[in-house]
PDB file of N, CA and C in Angstrom:
ATOM      1  N   MET A   1      84.757 109.204 102.190  1.00  0.00           N
ATOM      2  CA  MET A   1      85.558 108.050 102.558  1.00  0.00           C
ATOM      3  C   MET A   1      86.905 108.166 101.846  1.00  0.00           C
ATOM      4  N   ALA A   2      87.956 108.013 102.593  1.00  0.00           N
ATOM      5  CA  ALA A   2      89.291 108.097 102.001  1.00  0.00           C
ATOM      6  C   ALA A   2      89.506 106.949 101.025  1.00  0.00           C
ATOM      7  N   ARG A   3      90.115 107.238  99.905  1.00  0.00           N
ATOM      8  CA  ARG A   3      90.357 106.206  98.904  1.00  0.00           C
ATOM      9  C   ARG A   3      91.656 105.474  99.157  1.00  0.00           C
ATOM     10  N   GLU A   4      92.571 106.107  99.833  1.00  0.00           N
ATOM     11  CA  GLU A   4      93.860 105.523 100.183  1.00  0.00           C
ATOM     12  C   GLU A   4      94.082 105.796 101.664  1.00  0.00           C
ATOM     13  N   PRO A   5      94.984 105.070 102.304  1.00  0.00           N
ATOM     14  CA  PRO A   5      95.265 105.378 103.715  1.00  0.00           C
ATOM     15  C   PRO A   5      95.721 106.833 103.847  1.00  0.00           C
ATOM     16  N   TRP A   6      95.261 107.513 104.868  1.00  0.00           N
ATOM     17  CA  TRP A   6      95.639 108.905 105.087  1.00  0.00           C
ATOM     18  C   TRP A   6      97.002 108.945 105.754  1.00  0.00           C
ATOM     19  N   LEU A   7      97.791 109.921 105.407  1.00  0.00           N
ATOM     20  CA  LEU A   7      99.081 110.123 106.041  1.00  0.00           C
ATOM     21  C   LEU A   7      98.856 110.630 107.456  1.00  0.00           C
ATOM     22  N   ALA A   8      99.778 110.307 108.340  1.00  0.00           N
ATOM     23  CA  ALA A   8      99.679 110.811 109.705  1.00  0.00           C
ATOM     24  C   ALA A   8      99.755 112.333 109.680  1.00  0.00           C
ATOM     25  N   GLY A   9      98.958 112.980 110.508  1.00  0.00           N
ATOM     26  CA  GLY A   9      98.977 114.436 110.586  1.00  0.00           C
ATOM     27  C   GLY A   9      97.657 114.980 111.084  1.00  0.00           C
ATOM     28  N   VAL A  10      97.575 116.296 111.146  1.00  0.00           N
ATOM     29  CA  VAL A  10      96.352 116.972 111.569  1.00  0.00           C
ATOM     30  C   VAL A  10      95.631 117.452 110.313  1.00  0.00           C
ATOM     31  N   TYR A  11      94.343 117.148 110.228  1.00  0.00           N
ATOM     32  CA  TYR A  11      93.517 117.533 109.098  1.00  0.00           C
ATOM     33  C   TYR A  11      92.427 118.489 109.575  1.00  0.00           C
ATOM     34  N   THR A  12      91.967 119.334 108.684  1.00  0.00           N
ATOM     35  CA  THR A  12      90.879 120.265 108.976  1.00  0.00           C
ATOM     36  C   THR A  12      89.769 120.016 107.958  1.00  0.00           C
ATOM     37  N   ALA A  13      88.542 119.958 108.444  1.00  0.00           N
ATOM     38  CA  ALA A  13      87.381 119.762 107.572  1.00  0.00           C
ATOM     39  C   ALA A  13      86.402 120.902 107.822  1.00  0.00           C
ATOM     40  N   ALA A  14      85.582 121.210 106.821  1.00  0.00           N
ATOM     41  CA  ALA A  14      84.605 122.290 106.982  1.00  0.00           C
ATOM     42  C   ALA A  14      83.346 121.975 106.192  1.00  0.00           C
ATOM     43  N   VAL A  15      82.219 122.384 106.756  1.00  0.00           N
ATOM     44  CA  VAL A  15      80.934 122.333 106.062  1.00  0.00           C
ATOM     45  C   VAL A  15      80.550 123.793 105.840  1.00  0.00           C
ATOM     46  N   THR A  16      80.307 124.171 104.603  1.00  0.00           N
ATOM     47  CA  THR A  16      80.037 125.572 104.288  1.00  0.00           C
ATOM     48  C   THR A  16      78.618 125.977 104.653  1.00  0.00           C
ATOM     49  N   ALA A  17      78.457 127.255 104.916  1.00  0.00           N
ATOM     50  CA  ALA A  17      77.149 127.810 105.242  1.00  0.00           C
ATOM     51  C   ALA A  17      76.199 127.567 104.068  1.00  0.00           C
ATOM     52  N   GLY A  18      74.936 127.381 104.381  1.00  0.00           N
ATOM     53  CA  GLY A  18      73.933 127.175 103.341  1.00  0.00           C
ATOM     54  C   GLY A  18      73.595 125.721 103.078  1.00  0.00           C
ATOM     55  N   VAL A  19      74.446 124.818 103.506  1.00  0.00           N
ATOM     56  CA  VAL A  19      74.148 123.392 103.346  1.00  0.00           C
ATOM     57  C   VAL A  19      72.892 123.085 104.165  1.00  0.00           C
ATOM     58  N   ARG A  20      72.018 122.249 103.624  1.00  0.00           N
ATOM     59  CA  ARG A  20      70.751 121.976 104.300  1.00  0.00           C
ATOM     60  C   ARG A  20      70.733 120.570 104.911  1.00  0.00           C
ATOM     61  N   ASP A  21      70.085 120.457 106.071  1.00  0.00           N
ATOM     62  CA  ASP A  21      69.928 119.149 106.706  1.00  0.00           C
ATOM     63  C   ASP A  21      68.741 118.423 106.081  1.00  0.00           C
ATOM     64  N   ALA A  22      68.427 117.243 106.588  1.00  0.00           N
ATOM     65  CA  ALA A  22      67.360 116.413 106.015  1.00  0.00           C
ATOM     66  C   ALA A  22      65.996 117.101 106.070  1.00  0.00           C
ATOM     67  N   SER A  23      65.810 118.040 106.997  1.00  0.00           N
ATOM     68  CA  SER A  23      64.533 118.763 107.107  1.00  0.00           C
ATOM     69  C   SER A  23      64.513 120.032 106.269  1.00  0.00           C
ATOM     70  N   GLY A  24      65.620 120.335 105.596  1.00  0.00           N
ATOM     71  CA  GLY A  24      65.675 121.524 104.754  1.00  0.00           C
ATOM     72  C   GLY A  24      66.192 122.766 105.439  1.00  0.00           C
ATOM     73  N   ASN A  25      66.612 122.642 106.691  1.00  0.00           N
ATOM     74  CA  ASN A  25      67.125 123.800 107.423  1.00  0.00           C
ATOM     75  C   ASN A  25      68.560 124.092 106.996  1.00  0.00           C
ATOM     76  N   PRO A  26      68.859 125.358 106.655  1.00  0.00           N
ATOM     77  CA  PRO A  26      70.218 125.688 106.222  1.00  0.00           C
ATOM     78  C   PRO A  26      71.165 125.889 107.410  1.00  0.00           C
ATOM     79  N   LEU A  27      72.414 125.553 107.198  1.00  0.00           N
ATOM     80  CA  LEU A  27      73.456 125.841 108.184  1.00  0.00           C
ATOM     81  C   LEU A  27      73.778 127.320 108.029  1.00  0.00           C
ATOM     82  N   GLU A  28      73.633 128.088 109.102  1.00  0.00           N
ATOM     83  CA  GLU A  28      73.768 129.534 108.994  1.00  0.00           C
ATOM     84  C   GLU A  28      75.211 130.011 108.930  1.00  0.00           C
ATOM     85  N   ALA A  29      76.106 129.272 109.512  1.00  0.00           N
ATOM     86  CA  ALA A  29      77.520 129.673 109.494  1.00  0.00           C
ATOM     87  C   ALA A  29      78.370 128.448 109.189  1.00  0.00           C
ATOM     88  N   GLU A  30      79.508 128.692 108.595  1.00  0.00           N
ATOM     89  CA  GLU A  30      80.424 127.578 108.307  1.00  0.00           C
ATOM     90  C   GLU A  30      80.795 126.872 109.610  1.00  0.00           C
ATOM     91  N   TYR A  31      80.881 125.556 109.559  1.00  0.00           N
ATOM     92  CA  TYR A  31      81.284 124.769 110.720  1.00  0.00           C
ATOM     93  C   TYR A  31      82.543 124.011 110.351  1.00  0.00           C
ATOM     94  N   GLY A  32      83.587 124.184 111.152  1.00  0.00           N
ATOM     95  CA  GLY A  32      84.843 123.502 110.870  1.00  0.00           C
ATOM     96  C   GLY A  32      85.350 122.750 112.086  1.00  0.00           C
ATOM     97  N   TRP A  33      86.194 121.770 111.839  1.00  0.00           N
ATOM     98  CA  TRP A  33      86.796 121.007 112.916  1.00  0.00           C
ATOM     99  C   TRP A  33      88.108 120.411 112.420  1.00  0.00           C
ATOM    100  N   SER A  34      88.919 119.994 113.370  1.00  0.00           N
ATOM    101  CA  SER A  34      90.194 119.348 113.053  1.00  0.00           C
ATOM    102  C   SER A  34      90.225 117.972 113.682  1.00  0.00           C
ATOM    103  N   PHE A  35      90.984 117.089 113.093  1.00  0.00           N
ATOM    104  CA  PHE A  35      91.177 115.760 113.666  1.00  0.00           C
ATOM    105  C   PHE A  35      92.578 115.284 113.322  1.00  0.00           C
ATOM    106  N   THR A  36      93.047 114.342 114.097  1.00  0.00           N
ATOM    107  CA  THR A  36      94.402 113.827 113.925  1.00  0.00           C
ATOM    108  C   THR A  36      94.357 112.392 113.441  1.00  0.00           C
ATOM    109  N   VAL A  37      95.172 112.093 112.453  1.00  0.00           N
ATOM    110  CA  VAL A  37      95.356 110.727 111.981  1.00  0.00           C
ATOM    111  C   VAL A  37      96.729 110.296 112.474  1.00  0.00           C
ATOM    112  N   HIS A  38      96.751 109.244 113.251  1.00  0.00           N
ATOM    113  CA  HIS A  38      98.011 108.724 113.772  1.00  0.00           C
ATOM    114  C   HIS A  38      98.605 107.746 112.767  1.00  0.00           C
ATOM    115  N   SER A  39      99.861 107.447 112.924  1.00  0.00           N
ATOM    116  CA  SER A  39     100.521 106.545 111.978  1.00  0.00           C
ATOM    117  C   SER A  39      99.847 105.179 111.975  1.00  0.00           C
ATOM    118  N   ALA A  40      99.975 104.509 110.864  1.00  0.00           N
ATOM    119  CA  ALA A  40      99.350 103.193 110.696  1.00  0.00           C
ATOM    120  C   ALA A  40      99.834 102.228 111.772  1.00  0.00           C
ATOM    121  N   THR A  41      98.951 101.355 112.190  1.00  0.00           N
ATOM    122  CA  THR A  41      99.298 100.384 113.220  1.00  0.00           C
ATOM    123  C   THR A  41      99.249  98.967 112.678  1.00  0.00           C
ATOM    124  N   CYS A  42      99.400  98.836 111.396  1.00  0.00           N
ATOM    125  CA  CYS A  42      99.353  97.507 110.804  1.00  0.00           C
ATOM    126  C   CYS A  42     100.686  96.803 111.000  1.00  0.00           C
ATOM    127  N   ALA A  43     100.696  95.831 111.887  1.00  0.00           N
ATOM    128  CA  ALA A  43     101.915  95.070 112.124  1.00  0.00           C
ATOM    129  C   ALA A  43     102.310  94.354 110.845  1.00  0.00           C
ATOM    130  N   GLY A  44     103.537  94.523 110.437  1.00  0.00           N
ATOM    131  CA  GLY A  44     104.017  93.850 109.243  1.00  0.00           C
ATOM    132  C   GLY A  44     103.954  94.694 107.986  1.00  0.00           C
ATOM    133  N   ASP A  45     103.457  95.918 108.084  1.00  0.00           N
ATOM    134  CA  ASP A  45     103.428  96.813 106.921  1.00  0.00           C
ATOM    135  C   ASP A  45     104.820  97.419 106.764  1.00  0.00           C
ATOM    136  N   CYS A  46     105.701  96.656 106.156  1.00  0.00           N
ATOM    137  CA  CYS A  46     107.116  97.022 106.089  1.00  0.00           C
ATOM    138  C   CYS A  46     107.380  98.284 105.286  1.00  0.00           C
ATOM    139  N   ASN A  47     106.628  98.516 104.217  1.00  0.00           N
ATOM    140  CA  ASN A  47     106.910  99.677 103.377  1.00  0.00           C
ATOM    141  C   ASN A  47     106.011 100.869 103.686  1.00  0.00           C
ATOM    142  N   GLY A  48     105.130 100.747 104.685  1.00  0.00           N
ATOM    143  CA  GLY A  48     104.321 101.872 105.125  1.00  0.00           C
ATOM    144  C   GLY A  48     103.228 102.312 104.178  1.00  0.00           C
ATOM    145  N   ASP A  49     102.786 101.426 103.274  1.00  0.00           N
ATOM    146  CA  ASP A  49     101.740 101.810 102.325  1.00  0.00           C
ATOM    147  C   ASP A  49     100.329 101.517 102.829  1.00  0.00           C
ATOM    148  N   GLY A  50     100.212 101.053 104.083  1.00  0.00           N
ATOM    149  CA  GLY A  50      98.894 100.767 104.649  1.00  0.00           C
ATOM    150  C   GLY A  50      98.352  99.398 104.306  1.00  0.00           C
ATOM    151  N   VAL A  51      99.145  98.575 103.629  1.00  0.00           N
ATOM    152  CA  VAL A  51      98.731  97.235 103.217  1.00  0.00           C
ATOM    153  C   VAL A  51      99.766  96.231 103.693  1.00  0.00           C
ATOM    154  N   VAL A  52      99.312  95.148 104.298  1.00  0.00           N
ATOM    155  CA  VAL A  52     100.212  94.061 104.696  1.00  0.00           C
ATOM    156  C   VAL A  52     100.050  92.939 103.675  1.00  0.00           C
ATOM    157  N   THR A  53     101.141  92.587 103.021  1.00  0.00           N
ATOM    158  CA  THR A  53     101.114  91.525 102.016  1.00  0.00           C
ATOM    159  C   THR A  53     101.737  90.257 102.575  1.00  0.00           C
ATOM    160  N   SER A  54     101.482  89.144 101.902  1.00  0.00           N
ATOM    161  CA  SER A  54     102.091  87.886 102.340  1.00  0.00           C
ATOM    162  C   SER A  54     103.612  87.970 102.229  1.00  0.00           C
ATOM    163  N   ALA A  55     104.108  88.702 101.246  1.00  0.00           N
ATOM    164  CA  ALA A  55     105.569  88.857 101.112  1.00  0.00           C
ATOM    165  C   ALA A  55     106.151  89.590 102.315  1.00  0.00           C
ATOM    166  N   GLU A  56     105.416  90.567 102.836  1.00  0.00           N
ATOM    167  CA  GLU A  56     105.904  91.285 104.023  1.00  0.00           C
ATOM    168  C   GLU A  56     105.890  90.385 105.254  1.00  0.00           C
ATOM    169  N   VAL A  57     104.865  89.546 105.365  1.00  0.00           N
ATOM    170  CA  VAL A  57     104.822  88.610 106.498  1.00  0.00           C
ATOM    171  C   VAL A  57     105.970  87.609 106.396  1.00  0.00           C
ATOM    172  N   GLN A  58     106.236  87.115 105.193  1.00  0.00           N
ATOM    173  CA  GLN A  58     107.358  86.184 105.002  1.00  0.00           C
ATOM    174  C   GLN A  58     108.681  86.858 105.338  1.00  0.00           C
ATOM    175  N   HIS A  59     108.832  88.102 104.915  1.00  0.00           N
ATOM    176  CA  HIS A  59     110.050  88.846 105.243  1.00  0.00           C
ATOM    177  C   HIS A  59     110.180  88.987 106.760  1.00  0.00           C
ATOM    178  N   GLY A  60     109.051  89.288 107.399  1.00  0.00           N
ATOM    179  CA  GLY A  60     109.060  89.416 108.855  1.00  0.00           C
ATOM    180  C   GLY A  60     109.489  88.136 109.545  1.00  0.00           C
ATOM    181  N   ALA A  61     109.018  87.007 109.036  1.00  0.00           N
ATOM    182  CA  ALA A  61     109.411  85.719 109.625  1.00  0.00           C
ATOM    183  C   ALA A  61     110.914  85.507 109.495  1.00  0.00           C
ATOM    184  N   SER A  62     111.490  85.970 108.409  1.00  0.00           N
ATOM    185  CA  SER A  62     112.946  85.807 108.249  1.00  0.00           C
ATOM    186  C   SER A  62     113.715  86.659 109.255  1.00  0.00           C
ATOM    187  N   LEU A  63     113.082  87.720 109.773  1.00  0.00           N
ATOM    188  CA  LEU A  63     113.752  88.582 110.740  1.00  0.00           C
ATOM    189  C   LEU A  63     113.925  87.920 112.102  1.00  0.00           C
ATOM    190  N   ILE A  64     113.181  86.843 112.354  1.00  0.00           N
ATOM    191  CA  ILE A  64     113.385  86.102 113.605  1.00  0.00           C
ATOM    192  C   ILE A  64     114.818  85.602 113.667  1.00  0.00           C
ATOM    193  N   PHE A  65     115.363  85.233 112.509  1.00  0.00           N
ATOM    194  CA  PHE A  65     116.711  84.674 112.447  1.00  0.00           C
ATOM    195  C   PHE A  65     117.767  85.703 112.062  1.00  0.00           C
ATOM    196  N   ALA A  66     117.338  86.909 111.706  1.00  0.00           N
ATOM    197  CA  ALA A  66     118.282  87.960 111.311  1.00  0.00           C
ATOM    198  C   ALA A  66     117.875  89.275 111.975  1.00  0.00           C
ATOM    199  N   PRO A  67     117.951  89.347 113.312  1.00  0.00           N
ATOM    200  CA  PRO A  67     117.481  90.537 114.021  1.00  0.00           C
ATOM    201  C   PRO A  67     118.216  91.818 113.626  1.00  0.00           C
ATOM    202  N   SER A  68     119.403  91.699 113.070  1.00  0.00           N
ATOM    203  CA  SER A  68     120.137  92.902 112.673  1.00  0.00           C
ATOM    204  C   SER A  68     119.467  93.619 111.506  1.00  0.00           C
ATOM    205  N   GLU A  69     118.547  92.936 110.834  1.00  0.00           N
ATOM    206  CA  GLU A  69     117.851  93.522 109.685  1.00  0.00           C
ATOM    207  C   GLU A  69     116.502  94.141 110.067  1.00  0.00           C
ATOM    208  N   LEU A  70     116.219  94.263 111.362  1.00  0.00           N
ATOM    209  CA  LEU A  70     114.917  94.738 111.825  1.00  0.00           C
ATOM    210  C   LEU A  70     114.536  96.097 111.235  1.00  0.00           C
ATOM    211  N   SER A  71     115.503  96.921 110.930  1.00  0.00           N
ATOM    212  CA  SER A  71     115.184  98.245 110.383  1.00  0.00           C
ATOM    213  C   SER A  71     114.425  98.150 109.055  1.00  0.00           C
ATOM    214  N   SER A  72     114.481  96.998 108.386  1.00  0.00           N
ATOM    215  CA  SER A  72     113.760  96.840 107.127  1.00  0.00           C
ATOM    216  C   SER A  72     112.264  96.646 107.340  1.00  0.00           C
ATOM    217  N   CYS A  73     111.843  96.407 108.598  1.00  0.00           N
ATOM    218  CA  CYS A  73     110.418  96.263 108.897  1.00  0.00           C
ATOM    219  C   CYS A  73     110.179  96.476 110.391  1.00  0.00           C
ATOM    220  N   SER A  74     110.434  97.685 110.840  1.00  0.00           N
ATOM    221  CA  SER A  74     110.337  97.967 112.275  1.00  0.00           C
ATOM    222  C   SER A  74     108.912  97.879 112.810  1.00  0.00           C
ATOM    223  N   SER A  75     107.897  97.892 111.924  1.00  0.00           N
ATOM    224  CA  SER A  75     106.509  97.800 112.395  1.00  0.00           C
ATOM    225  C   SER A  75     106.202  96.438 113.025  1.00  0.00           C
ATOM    226  N   LEU A  76     107.077  95.489 112.826  1.00  0.00           N
ATOM    227  CA  LEU A  76     106.871  94.166 113.428  1.00  0.00           C
ATOM    228  C   LEU A  76     107.226  94.126 114.909  1.00  0.00           C
ATOM    229  N   ASP A  77     108.116  94.990 115.341  1.00  0.00           N
ATOM    230  CA  ASP A  77     108.607  94.958 116.722  1.00  0.00           C
ATOM    231  C   ASP A  77     107.614  95.638 117.657  1.00  0.00           C
ATOM    232  N   ALA A  78     106.504  94.961 117.925  1.00  0.00           N
ATOM    233  CA  ALA A  78     105.410  95.535 118.711  1.00  0.00           C
ATOM    234  C   ALA A  78     105.812  95.850 120.147  1.00  0.00           C
ATOM    235  N   ASP A  79     106.665  95.034 120.733  1.00  0.00           N
ATOM    236  CA  ASP A  79     107.024  95.257 122.130  1.00  0.00           C
ATOM    237  C   ASP A  79     108.286  96.101 122.290  1.00  0.00           C
ATOM    238  N   GLY A  80     108.890  96.520 121.185  1.00  0.00           N
ATOM    239  CA  GLY A  80     110.028  97.423 121.233  1.00  0.00           C
ATOM    240  C   GLY A  80     111.307  96.845 121.798  1.00  0.00           C
ATOM    241  N   ASP A  81     111.433  95.515 121.765  1.00  0.00           N
ATOM    242  CA  ASP A  81     112.634  94.897 122.352  1.00  0.00           C
ATOM    243  C   ASP A  81     113.778  94.743 121.347  1.00  0.00           C
ATOM    244  N   GLY A  82     113.585  95.230 120.119  1.00  0.00           N
ATOM    245  CA  GLY A  82     114.647  95.152 119.123  1.00  0.00           C
ATOM    246  C   GLY A  82     114.745  93.818 118.408  1.00  0.00           C
ATOM    247  N   ARG A  83     113.759  92.948 118.632  1.00  0.00           N
ATOM    248  CA  ARG A  83     113.748  91.631 117.980  1.00  0.00           C
ATOM    249  C   ARG A  83     112.339  91.336 117.484  1.00  0.00           C
ATOM    250  N   VAL A  84     112.240  90.392 116.566  1.00  0.00           N
ATOM    251  CA  VAL A  84     110.939  89.913 116.110  1.00  0.00           C
ATOM    252  C   VAL A  84     110.737  88.521 116.674  1.00  0.00           C
ATOM    253  N   GLY A  85     109.654  88.346 117.412  1.00  0.00           N
ATOM    254  CA  GLY A  85     109.346  87.041 117.983  1.00  0.00           C
ATOM    255  C   GLY A  85     108.176  86.409 117.253  1.00  0.00           C
ATOM    256  N   ALA A  86     107.944  85.141 117.547  1.00  0.00           N
ATOM    257  CA  ALA A  86     106.846  84.415 116.902  1.00  0.00           C
ATOM    258  C   ALA A  86     105.505  85.097 117.171  1.00  0.00           C
ATOM    259  N   HIS A  87     105.317  85.628 118.381  1.00  0.00           N
ATOM    260  CA  HIS A  87     104.059  86.310 118.703  1.00  0.00           C
ATOM    261  C   HIS A  87     103.836  87.543 117.820  1.00  0.00           C
ATOM    262  N   GLU A  88     104.921  88.178 117.393  1.00  0.00           N
ATOM    263  CA  GLU A  88     104.789  89.345 116.531  1.00  0.00           C
ATOM    264  C   GLU A  88     104.487  88.942 115.082  1.00  0.00           C
ATOM    265  N   ILE A  89     104.966  87.779 114.676  1.00  0.00           N
ATOM    266  CA  ILE A  89     104.616  87.276 113.349  1.00  0.00           C
ATOM    267  C   ILE A  89     103.138  86.896 113.329  1.00  0.00           C
ATOM    268  N   VAL A  90     102.656  86.293 114.393  1.00  0.00           N
ATOM    269  CA  VAL A  90     101.227  85.963 114.487  1.00  0.00           C
ATOM    270  C   VAL A  90     100.401  87.243 114.390  1.00  0.00           C
ATOM    271  N   ARG A  91     100.840  88.285 115.058  1.00  0.00           N
ATOM    272  CA  ARG A  91     100.155  89.580 114.990  1.00  0.00           C
ATOM    273  C   ARG A  91     100.139  90.110 113.556  1.00  0.00           C
ATOM    274  N   ALA A  92     101.245  89.954 112.837  1.00  0.00           N
ATOM    275  CA  ALA A  92     101.319  90.406 111.439  1.00  0.00           C
ATOM    276  C   ALA A  92     100.364  89.611 110.554  1.00  0.00           C
ATOM    277  N   VAL A  93     100.293  88.296 110.789  1.00  0.00           N
ATOM    278  CA  VAL A  93      99.369  87.461 110.004  1.00  0.00           C
ATOM    279  C   VAL A  93      97.936  87.933 110.244  1.00  0.00           C
ATOM    280  N   LYS A  94      97.602  88.256 111.491  1.00  0.00           N
ATOM    281  CA  LYS A  94      96.261  88.758 111.797  1.00  0.00           C
ATOM    282  C   LYS A  94      96.027  90.120 111.158  1.00  0.00           C
ATOM    283  N   SER A  95      97.075  90.914 110.986  1.00  0.00           N
ATOM    284  CA  SER A  95      96.939  92.226 110.348  1.00  0.00           C
ATOM    285  C   SER A  95      96.530  92.116 108.893  1.00  0.00           C
ATOM    286  N   VAL A  96      96.858  91.003 108.264  1.00  0.00           N
ATOM    287  CA  VAL A  96      96.483  90.835 106.860  1.00  0.00           C
ATOM    288  C   VAL A  96      94.967  90.942 106.712  1.00  0.00           C
ATOM    289  N   ALA A  97      94.218  90.454 107.710  1.00  0.00           N
ATOM    290  CA  ALA A  97      92.761  90.523 107.648  1.00  0.00           C
ATOM    291  C   ALA A  97      92.257  91.962 107.709  1.00  0.00           C
ATOM    292  N   GLN A  98      92.980  92.834 108.415  1.00  0.00           N
ATOM    293  CA  GLN A  98      92.553  94.229 108.552  1.00  0.00           C
ATOM    294  C   GLN A  98      93.246  95.161 107.571  1.00  0.00           C
ATOM    295  N   CYS A  99      94.452  94.850 107.213  1.00  0.00           N
ATOM    296  CA  CYS A  99      95.266  95.769 106.412  1.00  0.00           C
ATOM    297  C   CYS A  99      95.727  95.137 105.107  1.00  0.00           C
ATOM    298  N   GLY A 100      95.157  94.017 104.742  1.00  0.00           N
ATOM    299  CA  GLY A 100      95.591  93.331 103.533  1.00  0.00           C
ATOM    300  C   GLY A 100      94.984  93.916 102.272  1.00  0.00           C
ATOM    301  N   GLU A 101      95.510  93.553 101.135  1.00  0.00           N
ATOM    302  CA  GLU A 101      95.071  94.083  99.852  1.00  0.00           C
ATOM    303  C   GLU A 101      93.591  93.790  99.576  1.00  0.00           C
ATOM    304  N   VAL A 102      93.101  92.616  99.956  1.00  0.00           N
ATOM    305  CA  VAL A 102      91.691  92.288  99.716  1.00  0.00           C
ATOM    306  C   VAL A 102      90.800  93.251 100.476  1.00  0.00           C
ATOM    307  N   GLU A 103      91.126  93.523 101.730  1.00  0.00           N
ATOM    308  CA  GLU A 103      90.350  94.443 102.556  1.00  0.00           C
ATOM    309  C   GLU A 103      90.382  95.850 101.966  1.00  0.00           C
ATOM    310  N   ARG A 104      91.510  96.253 101.450  1.00  0.00           N
ATOM    311  CA  ARG A 104      91.661  97.586 100.875  1.00  0.00           C
ATOM    312  C   ARG A 104      90.797  97.738  99.626  1.00  0.00           C
ATOM    313  N   ARG A 105      90.761  96.718  98.772  1.00  0.00           N
ATOM    314  CA  ARG A 105      89.924  96.777  97.573  1.00  0.00           C
ATOM    315  C   ARG A 105      88.452  96.874  97.950  1.00  0.00           C
ATOM    316  N   ALA A 106      88.038  96.133  98.981  1.00  0.00           N
ATOM    317  CA  ALA A 106      86.643  96.169  99.410  1.00  0.00           C
ATOM    318  C   ALA A 106      86.276  97.554  99.921  1.00  0.00           C
ATOM    319  N   ALA A 107      87.166  98.192 100.657  1.00  0.00           N
ATOM    320  CA  ALA A 107      86.895  99.533 101.177  1.00  0.00           C
ATOM    321  C   ALA A 107      86.753 100.533 100.043  1.00  0.00           C
ATOM    322  N   ARG A 108      87.553 100.389  98.999  1.00  0.00           N
ATOM    323  CA  ARG A 108      87.463 101.303  97.863  1.00  0.00           C
ATOM    324  C   ARG A 108      86.161 101.098  97.100  1.00  0.00           C
ATOM    325  N   ALA A 109      85.689  99.859  97.024  1.00  0.00           N
ATOM    326  CA  ALA A 109      84.482  99.549  96.256  1.00  0.00           C
ATOM    327  C   ALA A 109      83.231 100.064  96.954  1.00  0.00           C
ATOM    328  N   TYR A 110      83.238 100.138  98.280  1.00  0.00           N
ATOM    329  CA  TYR A 110      82.066 100.573  99.038  1.00  0.00           C
ATOM    330  C   TYR A 110      82.170 102.073  99.296  1.00  0.00           C
ATOM    331  N   ARG A 111      81.373 102.831  98.602  1.00  0.00           N
ATOM    332  CA  ARG A 111      81.353 104.275  98.772  1.00  0.00           C
ATOM    333  C   ARG A 111      79.912 104.741  98.644  1.00  0.00           C
ATOM    334  N   PRO A 112      79.194 104.895  99.781  1.00  0.00           N
ATOM    335  CA  PRO A 112      77.799 105.316  99.716  1.00  0.00           C
ATOM    336  C   PRO A 112      77.654 106.679  99.034  1.00  0.00           C
ATOM    337  N   ALA A 113      76.526 106.890  98.376  1.00  0.00           N
ATOM    338  CA  ALA A 113      76.268 108.176  97.713  1.00  0.00           C
ATOM    339  C   ALA A 113      76.340 109.287  98.738  1.00  0.00           C
ATOM    340  N   GLY A 114      77.030 110.361  98.386  1.00  0.00           N
ATOM    341  CA  GLY A 114      77.146 111.514  99.272  1.00  0.00           C
ATOM    342  C   GLY A 114      78.132 111.336 100.411  1.00  0.00           C
ATOM    343  N   ALA A 115      78.896 110.255 100.422  1.00  0.00           N
ATOM    344  CA  ALA A 115      79.811 110.005 101.547  1.00  0.00           C
ATOM    345  C   ALA A 115      81.158 110.688 101.377  1.00  0.00           C
ATOM    346  N   GLU A 116      81.370 111.322 100.251  1.00  0.00           N
ATOM    347  CA  GLU A 116      82.654 111.976  99.988  1.00  0.00           C
ATOM    348  C   GLU A 116      82.857 113.127 100.972  1.00  0.00           C
ATOM    349  N   VAL A 117      84.001 113.177 101.609  1.00  0.00           N
ATOM    350  CA  VAL A 117      84.337 114.254 102.550  1.00  0.00           C
ATOM    351  C   VAL A 117      85.590 114.928 102.025  1.00  0.00           C
ATOM    352  N   ASN A 118      85.554 116.239 101.942  1.00  0.00           N
ATOM    353  CA  ASN A 118      86.723 116.977 101.490  1.00  0.00           C
ATOM    354  C   ASN A 118      87.474 117.484 102.698  1.00  0.00           C
ATOM    355  N   CYS A 119      88.685 117.042 102.844  1.00  0.00           N
ATOM    356  CA  CYS A 119      89.513 117.446 103.971  1.00  0.00           C
ATOM    357  C   CYS A 119      90.848 117.936 103.448  1.00  0.00           C
ATOM    358  N   SER A 120      91.468 118.791 104.192  1.00  0.00           N
ATOM    359  CA  SER A 120      92.798 119.256 103.806  1.00  0.00           C
ATOM    360  C   SER A 120      93.739 119.039 104.961  1.00  0.00           C
ATOM    361  N   ARG A 121      94.985 118.948 104.632  1.00  0.00           N
ATOM    362  CA  ARG A 121      95.986 118.706 105.658  1.00  0.00           C
ATOM    363  C   ARG A 121      96.852 119.908 105.778  1.00  0.00           C
TER     364      ARG A 121
END
């Protein structure tokens, strides 16, 4: 389980030969695969750290009245119209439940035994 949000990119993972399954059967050859992590989709994550804070939501609300400052938090502009609307602030508030600091701490605390995956980018 990743301890921090993964950066966007292509990752490669591998399970080495000799690892045994639950029945004791060994993997005869290394098995590898690749996967892609896309950029974060947390509306309101102004600094790109994978966490939406109340300060970022408040900043986003101020952008309704100062659209020229949108570059300071472009993740709010969900519809790509170059402005922040009330519907996008509502979306950011909802993102706090998925991308907020409390959720991030809970994810770090829950790590089942043996769940560690070693991946490289």
